Amino acid sequence: MFLQQFRPALVLTLGFTFLTGLAYPLAITGFAGLASPEASEGSLIISGNEVIGSRLIAQPFSGAGYLHPRPSASGWNAAGTSASNLGPTSAKLIADVAQRRAAYETENGQPAPIDAVTGSASGLDPDISPENALAQAERIAKARGVEAGAVLDLIETHVESPLLGLYGLPRINVLETNLALDATFPLPTQSPGN
């Protein structure tokens, strides 16, 4: 009696383990690789032979000549992503947002858009709003020694529309735009001692 029930249970367990644990993931991975090879590989951005980042994961930029990403509760650490989990009435969150707002407005001389003072749910949002990017243009232009209008034009060319014109909001990928800034308006070199 036991063997009559054990054998089918074992065969089903092994069969479904193979099917759902090996065959299905391999099939989906293969399909994703064919349908969208770049995204299935992590949308990596490569310069020369070096991976410098992913289009999908934010990284910190703090220099005056760069667009700055959204704040991150995980310090842009992809191994430990998280939100702060602080509620809207949290005194710590209110103080953090006020501190970020003051720093942003001092640094950029512009009112801080909401995405400049609040972190994303993952802490790794690679995009910022066009308003946030445009408010940073004057600081970037000054650091790079170019006209603010030229930086504004470059930023405008990197605005991505919502998916199918419906889903999401207009956005700017920080890493891609910073790479374009470096290519178009290299940072001035500093002499030793500066």
C-alpha atoms as a PDB file:
ATOM      1  CA  MET A   1       0.000   0.000   0.000  1.00  0.00           C
ATOM      2  CA  PHE A   2       2.759   2.478   0.968  1.00  0.00           C
ATOM      3  CA  LEU A   3       4.774   1.759  -2.190  1.00  0.00           C
ATOM      4  CA  GLN A   4       1.684   2.199  -4.357  1.00  0.00           C
ATOM      5  CA  GLN A   5       1.282   5.758  -3.035  1.00  0.00           C
ATOM      6  CA  PHE A   6       4.981   6.557  -2.653  1.00  0.00           C
ATOM      7  CA  ARG A   7       5.962   5.856  -6.253  1.00  0.00           C
ATOM      8  CA  PRO A   8       3.414   8.214  -7.911  1.00  0.00           C
ATOM      9  CA  ALA A   9       4.151  10.890  -5.291  1.00  0.00           C
ATOM     10  CA  LEU A  10       7.886  10.623  -5.955  1.00  0.00           C
ATOM     11  CA  VAL A  11       7.404  10.669  -9.749  1.00  0.00           C
ATOM     12  CA  LEU A  12       5.112  13.717  -9.529  1.00  0.00           C
ATOM     13  CA  THR A  13       7.495  15.520  -7.166  1.00  0.00           C
ATOM     14  CA  LEU A  14      10.492  14.896  -9.409  1.00  0.00           C
ATOM     15  CA  GLY A  15       8.496  15.672 -12.569  1.00  0.00           C
ATOM     16  CA  PHE A  16       7.149  18.986 -11.279  1.00  0.00           C
ATOM     17  CA  THR A  17      10.530  19.883  -9.790  1.00  0.00           C
ATOM     18  CA  PHE A  18      12.097  19.401 -13.216  1.00  0.00           C
ATOM     19  CA  LEU A  19       9.236  21.169 -14.994  1.00  0.00           C
ATOM     20  CA  THR A  20       8.855  24.194 -12.715  1.00  0.00           C
ATOM     21  CA  GLY A  21      12.376  24.375 -11.313  1.00  0.00           C
ATOM     22  CA  LEU A  22      14.406  23.826 -14.469  1.00  0.00           C
ATOM     23  CA  ALA A  23      12.483  23.598 -17.749  1.00  0.00           C
ATOM     24  CA  TYR A  24      10.146  26.576 -17.219  1.00  0.00           C
ATOM     25  CA  PRO A  25      12.852  29.006 -15.956  1.00  0.00           C
ATOM     26  CA  LEU A  26      15.157  28.011 -18.817  1.00  0.00           C
ATOM     27  CA  ALA A  27      12.370  28.478 -21.374  1.00  0.00           C
ATOM     28  CA  ILE A  28      11.406  31.905 -19.994  1.00  0.00           C
ATOM     29  CA  THR A  29      15.068  32.983 -19.827  1.00  0.00           C
ATOM     30  CA  GLY A  30      15.601  31.841 -23.420  1.00  0.00           C
ATOM     31  CA  PHE A  31      12.454  33.642 -24.605  1.00  0.00           C
ATOM     32  CA  ALA A  32      13.477  36.833 -22.771  1.00  0.00           C
ATOM     33  CA  GLY A  33      16.931  36.634 -24.352  1.00  0.00           C
ATOM     34  CA  LEU A  34      15.394  36.405 -27.805  1.00  0.00           C
ATOM     35  CA  ALA A  35      12.635  38.962 -27.280  1.00  0.00           C
ATOM     36  CA  SER A  36      14.740  41.595 -25.513  1.00  0.00           C
ATOM     37  CA  PRO A  37      18.426  40.691 -25.297  1.00  0.00           C
ATOM     38  CA  GLU A  38      19.541  43.994 -23.761  1.00  0.00           C
ATOM     39  CA  ALA A  39      16.975  43.989 -20.948  1.00  0.00           C
ATOM     40  CA  SER A  40      17.469  40.296 -20.185  1.00  0.00           C
ATOM     41  CA  GLU A  41      21.166  40.985 -19.632  1.00  0.00           C
ATOM     42  CA  GLY A  42      20.430  43.812 -17.174  1.00  0.00           C
ATOM     43  CA  SER A  43      20.542  46.773 -19.592  1.00  0.00           C
ATOM     44  CA  LEU A  44      24.234  47.219 -18.855  1.00  0.00           C
ATOM     45  CA  ILE A  45      26.075  50.292 -20.097  1.00  0.00           C
ATOM     46  CA  ILE A  46      29.561  49.399 -21.281  1.00  0.00           C
ATOM     47  CA  SER A  47      32.422  51.763 -22.063  1.00  0.00           C
ATOM     48  CA  GLY A  48      35.344  50.044 -23.731  1.00  0.00           C
ATOM     49  CA  ASN A  49      35.532  46.684 -21.976  1.00  0.00           C
ATOM     50  CA  GLU A  50      34.225  47.965 -18.652  1.00  0.00           C
ATOM     51  CA  VAL A  51      30.672  47.865 -17.299  1.00  0.00           C
ATOM     52  CA  ILE A  52      30.030  51.320 -15.871  1.00  0.00           C
ATOM     53  CA  GLY A  53      26.457  50.792 -14.755  1.00  0.00           C
ATOM     54  CA  SER A  54      22.979  49.681 -15.654  1.00  0.00           C
ATOM     55  CA  ARG A  55      20.251  51.727 -17.244  1.00  0.00           C
ATOM     56  CA  LEU A  56      17.904  50.203 -14.655  1.00  0.00           C
ATOM     57  CA  ILE A  57      19.784  50.847 -11.401  1.00  0.00           C
ATOM     58  CA  ALA A  58      20.651  54.247  -9.956  1.00  0.00           C
ATOM     59  CA  GLN A  59      24.102  55.068  -8.724  1.00  0.00           C
ATOM     60  CA  PRO A  60      25.304  58.010  -6.685  1.00  0.00           C
ATOM     61  CA  PHE A  61      26.453  61.211  -8.359  1.00  0.00           C
ATOM     62  CA  SER A  62      27.355  64.105  -6.108  1.00  0.00           C
ATOM     63  CA  GLY A  63      29.698  66.304  -8.136  1.00  0.00           C
ATOM     64  CA  ALA A  64      28.465  69.767  -9.097  1.00  0.00           C
ATOM     65  CA  GLY A  65      28.838  68.917 -12.799  1.00  0.00           C
ATOM     66  CA  TYR A  66      26.403  65.999 -12.707  1.00  0.00           C
ATOM     67  CA  LEU A  67      22.696  65.347 -12.421  1.00  0.00           C
ATOM     68  CA  HIS A  68      21.984  63.995  -8.967  1.00  0.00           C
ATOM     69  CA  PRO A  69      19.632  60.999  -8.569  1.00  0.00           C
ATOM     70  CA  ARG A  70      16.753  60.616  -6.169  1.00  0.00           C
ATOM     71  CA  PRO A  71      17.660  60.062  -2.515  1.00  0.00           C
ATOM     72  CA  SER A  72      18.199  56.417  -1.554  1.00  0.00           C
ATOM     73  CA  ALA A  73      17.495  54.770   1.808  1.00  0.00           C
ATOM     74  CA  SER A  74      20.000  52.026   0.889  1.00  0.00           C
ATOM     75  CA  GLY A  75      22.790  54.330  -0.274  1.00  0.00           C
ATOM     76  CA  TRP A  76      22.272  53.053  -3.860  1.00  0.00           C
ATOM     77  CA  ASN A  77      23.427  49.597  -2.750  1.00  0.00           C
ATOM     78  CA  ALA A  78      21.742  47.106  -5.080  1.00  0.00           C
ATOM     79  CA  ALA A  79      22.516  44.257  -2.663  1.00  0.00           C
ATOM     80  CA  GLY A  80      20.435  45.839   0.085  1.00  0.00           C
ATOM     81  CA  THR A  81      17.680  47.816  -1.591  1.00  0.00           C
ATOM     82  CA  SER A  82      14.919  49.216   0.514  1.00  0.00           C
ATOM     83  CA  ALA A  83      12.726  52.155   1.196  1.00  0.00           C
ATOM     84  CA  SER A  84      12.890  53.913   4.536  1.00  0.00           C
ATOM     85  CA  ASN A  85       9.435  52.556   5.471  1.00  0.00           C
ATOM     86  CA  LEU A  86       8.752  55.790   7.327  1.00  0.00           C
ATOM     87  CA  GLY A  87       5.164  56.992   7.217  1.00  0.00           C
ATOM     88  CA  PRO A  88       4.038  60.480   6.171  1.00  0.00           C
ATOM     89  CA  THR A  89       3.642  61.552   9.806  1.00  0.00           C
ATOM     90  CA  SER A  90       7.097  60.318  10.845  1.00  0.00           C
ATOM     91  CA  ALA A  91       9.141  63.094  12.445  1.00  0.00           C
ATOM     92  CA  LYS A  92      12.340  61.582  10.991  1.00  0.00           C
ATOM     93  CA  LEU A  93      10.923  61.539   7.455  1.00  0.00           C
ATOM     94  CA  ILE A  94       9.680  65.118   7.785  1.00  0.00           C
ATOM     95  CA  ALA A  95      13.094  66.228   9.069  1.00  0.00           C
ATOM     96  CA  ASP A  96      14.928  64.294   6.302  1.00  0.00           C
ATOM     97  CA  VAL A  97      12.751  65.838   3.589  1.00  0.00           C
ATOM     98  CA  ALA A  98      13.203  69.329   5.034  1.00  0.00           C
ATOM     99  CA  GLN A  99      16.986  68.831   5.154  1.00  0.00           C
ATOM    100  CA  ARG A 100      17.049  67.510   1.567  1.00  0.00           C
ATOM    101  CA  ARG A 101      14.861  70.389   0.382  1.00  0.00           C
ATOM    102  CA  ALA A 102      17.125  72.999   1.979  1.00  0.00           C
ATOM    103  CA  ALA A 103      20.266  71.348   0.538  1.00  0.00           C
ATOM    104  CA  TYR A 104      18.728  71.064  -2.937  1.00  0.00           C
ATOM    105  CA  GLU A 105      17.514  74.649  -2.998  1.00  0.00           C
ATOM    106  CA  THR A 106      20.869  75.956  -1.713  1.00  0.00           C
ATOM    107  CA  GLU A 107      22.790  73.898  -4.260  1.00  0.00           C
ATOM    108  CA  ASN A 108      20.560  74.614  -7.259  1.00  0.00           C
ATOM    109  CA  GLY A 109      18.890  77.931  -6.431  1.00  0.00           C
ATOM    110  CA  GLN A 110      15.562  76.430  -7.504  1.00  0.00           C
ATOM    111  CA  PRO A 111      12.547  75.033  -5.629  1.00  0.00           C
ATOM    112  CA  ALA A 112      12.972  71.312  -4.985  1.00  0.00           C
ATOM    113  CA  PRO A 113      10.660  68.989  -6.942  1.00  0.00           C
ATOM    114  CA  ILE A 114       9.164  66.158  -4.900  1.00  0.00           C
ATOM    115  CA  ASP A 115      11.421  63.503  -6.456  1.00  0.00           C
ATOM    116  CA  ALA A 116      14.499  65.461  -5.358  1.00  0.00           C
ATOM    117  CA  VAL A 117      13.612  65.157  -1.676  1.00  0.00           C
ATOM    118  CA  THR A 118      11.862  61.784  -1.424  1.00  0.00           C
ATOM    119  CA  GLY A 119      13.385  58.387  -2.114  1.00  0.00           C
ATOM    120  CA  SER A 120      11.872  55.807  -4.417  1.00  0.00           C
ATOM    121  CA  ALA A 121      10.415  52.562  -3.083  1.00  0.00           C
ATOM    122  CA  SER A 122      13.483  50.553  -4.093  1.00  0.00           C
ATOM    123  CA  GLY A 123      16.068  53.227  -3.386  1.00  0.00           C
ATOM    124  CA  LEU A 124      17.491  52.547  -6.854  1.00  0.00           C
ATOM    125  CA  ASP A 125      15.211  54.509  -9.177  1.00  0.00           C
ATOM    126  CA  PRO A 126      17.448  55.383 -12.161  1.00  0.00           C
ATOM    127  CA  ASP A 127      15.215  58.200 -13.391  1.00  0.00           C
ATOM    128  CA  ILE A 128      14.288  61.667 -12.225  1.00  0.00           C
ATOM    129  CA  SER A 129      11.586  64.051 -13.389  1.00  0.00           C
ATOM    130  CA  PRO A 130      12.354  66.586 -16.115  1.00  0.00           C
ATOM    131  CA  GLU A 131      11.584  69.338 -13.566  1.00  0.00           C
ATOM    132  CA  ASN A 132      14.246  67.961 -11.232  1.00  0.00           C
ATOM    133  CA  ALA A 133      16.826  67.694 -14.029  1.00  0.00           C
ATOM    134  CA  LEU A 134      16.107  71.139 -15.454  1.00  0.00           C
ATOM    135  CA  ALA A 135      16.403  72.734 -12.003  1.00  0.00           C
ATOM    136  CA  GLN A 136      19.942  71.297 -11.783  1.00  0.00           C
ATOM    137  CA  ALA A 137      21.031  72.629 -15.211  1.00  0.00           C
ATOM    138  CA  GLU A 138      22.469  75.961 -14.066  1.00  0.00           C
ATOM    139  CA  ARG A 139      24.679  74.310 -11.422  1.00  0.00           C
ATOM    140  CA  ILE A 140      25.877  71.754 -13.975  1.00  0.00           C
ATOM    141  CA  ALA A 141      26.604  74.440 -16.592  1.00  0.00           C
ATOM    142  CA  LYS A 142      28.585  76.506 -14.101  1.00  0.00           C
ATOM    143  CA  ALA A 143      30.686  73.490 -13.046  1.00  0.00           C
ATOM    144  CA  ARG A 144      31.355  72.570 -16.670  1.00  0.00           C
ATOM    145  CA  GLY A 145      32.030  76.137 -17.820  1.00  0.00           C
ATOM    146  CA  VAL A 146      29.307  76.213 -20.482  1.00  0.00           C
ATOM    147  CA  GLU A 147      26.120  78.161 -21.107  1.00  0.00           C
ATOM    148  CA  ALA A 148      23.096  77.006 -19.118  1.00  0.00           C
ATOM    149  CA  GLY A 149      21.039  76.933 -22.330  1.00  0.00           C
ATOM    150  CA  ALA A 150      23.316  74.277 -23.822  1.00  0.00           C
ATOM    151  CA  VAL A 151      22.889  72.052 -20.765  1.00  0.00           C
ATOM    152  CA  LEU A 152      19.129  72.654 -20.805  1.00  0.00           C
ATOM    153  CA  ASP A 153      19.012  71.600 -24.476  1.00  0.00           C
ATOM    154  CA  LEU A 154      20.988  68.420 -23.763  1.00  0.00           C
ATOM    155  CA  ILE A 155      18.721  67.542 -20.843  1.00  0.00           C
ATOM    156  CA  GLU A 156      15.623  68.149 -22.984  1.00  0.00           C
ATOM    157  CA  THR A 157      16.889  65.646 -25.578  1.00  0.00           C
ATOM    158  CA  HIS A 158      17.049  62.953 -22.872  1.00  0.00           C
ATOM    159  CA  VAL A 159      13.423  63.227 -21.733  1.00  0.00           C
ATOM    160  CA  GLU A 160      11.719  59.852 -22.167  1.00  0.00           C
ATOM    161  CA  SER A 161       7.965  59.841 -22.764  1.00  0.00           C
ATOM    162  CA  PRO A 162       5.531  57.599 -20.887  1.00  0.00           C
ATOM    163  CA  LEU A 163       5.234  54.069 -22.284  1.00  0.00           C
ATOM    164  CA  LEU A 164       2.801  54.169 -25.222  1.00  0.00           C
ATOM    165  CA  GLY A 165       2.053  57.741 -24.184  1.00  0.00           C
ATOM    166  CA  LEU A 166      -0.064  56.381 -21.319  1.00  0.00           C
ATOM    167  CA  TYR A 167       1.905  54.554 -18.641  1.00  0.00           C
ATOM    168  CA  GLY A 168       4.135  56.447 -16.261  1.00  0.00           C
ATOM    169  CA  LEU A 169       5.421  59.979 -16.381  1.00  0.00           C
ATOM    170  CA  PRO A 170       8.062  61.734 -18.469  1.00  0.00           C
ATOM    171  CA  ARG A 171      11.474  60.919 -17.017  1.00  0.00           C
ATOM    172  CA  ILE A 172      15.205  61.322 -17.497  1.00  0.00           C
ATOM    173  CA  ASN A 173      17.729  58.538 -16.957  1.00  0.00           C
ATOM    174  CA  VAL A 174      20.440  60.015 -14.730  1.00  0.00           C
ATOM    175  CA  LEU A 175      23.344  57.778 -15.792  1.00  0.00           C
ATOM    176  CA  GLU A 176      22.720  58.131 -19.527  1.00  0.00           C
ATOM    177  CA  THR A 177      22.333  61.899 -19.259  1.00  0.00           C
ATOM    178  CA  ASN A 178      25.501  62.219 -17.165  1.00  0.00           C
ATOM    179  CA  LEU A 179      27.404  60.187 -19.759  1.00  0.00           C
ATOM    180  CA  ALA A 180      26.077  62.521 -22.465  1.00  0.00           C
ATOM    181  CA  LEU A 181      27.156  65.527 -20.379  1.00  0.00           C
ATOM    182  CA  ASP A 182      30.676  64.086 -20.086  1.00  0.00           C
ATOM    183  CA  ALA A 183      30.823  63.406 -23.832  1.00  0.00           C
ATOM    184  CA  THR A 184      29.438  66.787 -24.878  1.00  0.00           C
ATOM    185  CA  PHE A 185      30.774  69.128 -22.172  1.00  0.00           C
ATOM    186  CA  PRO A 186      33.785  67.519 -20.450  1.00  0.00           C
ATOM    187  CA  LEU A 187      34.530  68.774 -16.974  1.00  0.00           C
ATOM    188  CA  PRO A 188      37.405  71.270 -16.944  1.00  0.00           C
ATOM    189  CA  THR A 189      40.653  69.775 -15.736  1.00  0.00           C
ATOM    190  CA  GLN A 190      42.010  71.227 -12.566  1.00  0.00           C
ATOM    191  CA  SER A 191      45.614  72.207 -12.145  1.00  0.00           C
ATOM    192  CA  PRO A 192      47.581  70.553  -9.328  1.00  0.00           C
ATOM    193  CA  GLY A 193      46.884  72.240  -6.036  1.00  0.00           C
ATOM    194  CA  ASN A 194      43.227  73.126  -6.894  1.00  0.00           C
END
